[in-house]
């Protein structure tokens, strides 16, 4: 399954990552960390709420 990720710079530093399909949002100090955190958060969301 392919999902989208929207990354934006955070005001306090680092990056905010959003998956618009699930609404999961997280952050990280680097792009790589933000994406890894988003993958984990989205996986947990899908495990809990997938039909």
N, C-alpha and C. Protein backbone atom coordinates (compact mmCIF):
# COMPACT_ATOMS: atom_id res chain seq x y z
N UNK A 1 0.84 -1.17 0.00
CA UNK A 1 0.00 0.00 0.00
C UNK A 1 0.89 1.24 0.00
N UNK A 2 0.59 2.16 -0.88
CA UNK A 2 1.33 3.42 -0.93
C UNK A 2 0.51 4.50 -0.23
N UNK A 3 1.19 5.24 0.61
CA UNK A 3 0.56 6.36 1.31
C UNK A 3 1.44 7.59 1.12
N UNK A 4 0.85 8.74 1.26
CA UNK A 4 1.57 10.00 1.09
C UNK A 4 2.15 10.49 2.41
N UNK A 5 3.20 11.27 2.31
CA UNK A 5 3.79 11.94 3.46
C UNK A 5 4.03 13.39 3.08
N UNK A 6 3.58 14.28 3.94
CA UNK A 6 3.83 15.72 3.75
C UNK A 6 4.76 16.16 4.86
N UNK A 7 5.91 16.68 4.47
CA UNK A 7 6.92 17.14 5.43
C UNK A 7 7.03 18.66 5.37
N UNK A 8 7.02 19.28 6.52
CA UNK A 8 7.20 20.73 6.60
C UNK A 8 8.20 21.04 7.71
N UNK A 9 8.98 22.09 7.54
CA UNK A 9 9.90 22.48 8.61
C UNK A 9 9.11 22.94 9.84
N UNK A 10 9.55 22.53 11.00
CA UNK A 10 8.91 22.95 12.25
C UNK A 10 9.51 24.27 12.70
N UNK A 11 8.71 25.10 13.30
CA UNK A 11 9.16 26.41 13.76
C UNK A 11 10.30 26.27 14.76
N UNK A 12 10.21 25.29 15.65
CA UNK A 12 11.22 25.11 16.70
C UNK A 12 12.42 24.30 16.23
N UNK A 13 12.43 23.90 14.96
CA UNK A 13 13.50 23.10 14.39
C UNK A 13 13.01 21.70 14.09
N UNK A 14 13.68 21.02 13.21
CA UNK A 14 13.25 19.69 12.82
C UNK A 14 12.15 19.76 11.78
N UNK A 15 11.39 18.67 11.68
CA UNK A 15 10.36 18.55 10.66
C UNK A 15 9.10 17.94 11.24
N UNK A 16 7.96 18.37 10.69
CA UNK A 16 6.66 17.77 11.01
C UNK A 16 6.28 16.91 9.82
N UNK A 17 5.80 15.69 10.09
CA UNK A 17 5.40 14.77 9.03
C UNK A 17 3.93 14.42 9.21
N UNK A 18 3.18 14.46 8.12
CA UNK A 18 1.74 14.19 8.13
C UNK A 18 1.41 13.17 7.07
N UNK A 19 0.58 12.20 7.43
CA UNK A 19 0.01 11.28 6.46
C UNK A 19 -1.45 11.69 6.29
N UNK A 20 -1.81 12.31 5.14
CA UNK A 20 -3.16 12.83 4.98
C UNK A 20 -4.25 11.75 4.90
N UNK A 21 -3.90 10.56 4.47
CA UNK A 21 -4.91 9.50 4.37
C UNK A 21 -5.41 9.03 5.73
N UNK A 22 -4.54 9.01 6.72
CA UNK A 22 -4.93 8.55 8.05
C UNK A 22 -5.02 9.69 9.06
N UNK A 23 -4.40 10.81 8.76
CA UNK A 23 -4.37 11.93 9.69
C UNK A 23 -3.27 11.82 10.74
N UNK A 24 -2.43 10.78 10.64
CA UNK A 24 -1.34 10.66 11.61
C UNK A 24 -0.30 11.75 11.37
N UNK A 25 0.18 12.28 12.47
CA UNK A 25 1.17 13.36 12.43
C UNK A 25 2.23 13.09 13.48
N UNK A 26 3.46 13.41 13.16
CA UNK A 26 4.57 13.24 14.10
C UNK A 26 5.66 14.22 13.72
N UNK A 27 6.80 14.12 14.38
CA UNK A 27 7.91 15.03 14.08
C UNK A 27 9.23 14.32 14.28
N UNK A 28 10.29 14.95 13.82
CA UNK A 28 11.64 14.41 14.00
C UNK A 28 12.65 15.51 13.77
N UNK A 29 13.85 15.30 14.26
CA UNK A 29 14.92 16.28 14.10
C UNK A 29 15.43 16.34 12.66
N UNK A 30 15.35 15.21 11.94
CA UNK A 30 15.79 15.15 10.54
C UNK A 30 14.63 14.62 9.69
N UNK A 31 14.76 14.77 8.39
CA UNK A 31 13.75 14.23 7.47
C UNK A 31 13.62 12.72 7.68
N UNK A 32 14.75 12.04 7.78
CA UNK A 32 14.74 10.59 7.95
C UNK A 32 14.04 10.17 9.23
N UNK A 33 14.33 10.89 10.33
CA UNK A 33 13.69 10.57 11.60
C UNK A 33 12.20 10.85 11.55
N UNK A 34 11.81 11.96 10.94
CA UNK A 34 10.39 12.29 10.83
C UNK A 34 9.65 11.23 10.01
N UNK A 35 10.25 10.77 8.90
CA UNK A 35 9.62 9.74 8.08
C UNK A 35 9.53 8.41 8.83
N UNK A 36 10.58 8.05 9.55
CA UNK A 36 10.56 6.80 10.32
C UNK A 36 9.47 6.86 11.39
N UNK A 37 9.38 7.99 12.08
CA UNK A 37 8.33 8.16 13.10
C UNK A 37 6.95 8.10 12.47
N UNK A 38 6.79 8.69 11.29
CA UNK A 38 5.50 8.67 10.62
C UNK A 38 5.13 7.25 10.19
N UNK A 39 6.09 6.50 9.69
CA UNK A 39 5.82 5.10 9.32
C UNK A 39 5.33 4.31 10.53
N UNK A 40 6.01 4.50 11.66
CA UNK A 40 5.61 3.78 12.87
C UNK A 40 4.21 4.20 13.33
N UNK A 41 3.95 5.49 13.36
CA UNK A 41 2.65 5.98 13.80
C UNK A 41 1.53 5.51 12.86
N UNK A 42 1.79 5.54 11.57
CA UNK A 42 0.79 5.12 10.60
C UNK A 42 0.54 3.62 10.68
N UNK A 43 1.60 2.83 10.86
CA UNK A 43 1.44 1.38 11.04
C UNK A 43 0.57 1.07 12.26
N UNK A 44 0.85 1.75 13.36
CA UNK A 44 0.05 1.54 14.57
C UNK A 44 -1.40 1.95 14.35
N UNK A 45 -1.62 3.04 13.66
CA UNK A 45 -2.98 3.49 13.35
C UNK A 45 -3.71 2.44 12.52
N UNK A 46 -3.06 1.95 11.48
CA UNK A 46 -3.69 0.97 10.59
C UNK A 46 -3.96 -0.35 11.32
N UNK A 47 -3.07 -0.77 12.20
CA UNK A 47 -3.31 -1.98 12.99
C UNK A 47 -4.56 -1.84 13.85
N UNK A 48 -4.74 -0.66 14.41
CA UNK A 48 -5.85 -0.43 15.32
C UNK A 48 -7.18 -0.20 14.60
N UNK A 49 -7.16 0.51 13.47
CA UNK A 49 -8.40 0.96 12.87
C UNK A 49 -8.70 0.38 11.49
N UNK A 50 -7.85 -0.49 10.97
CA UNK A 50 -8.12 -1.08 9.65
C UNK A 50 -9.33 -2.00 9.73
N UNK A 51 -10.13 -1.96 8.70
CA UNK A 51 -11.35 -2.78 8.67
C UNK A 51 -11.05 -4.19 8.20
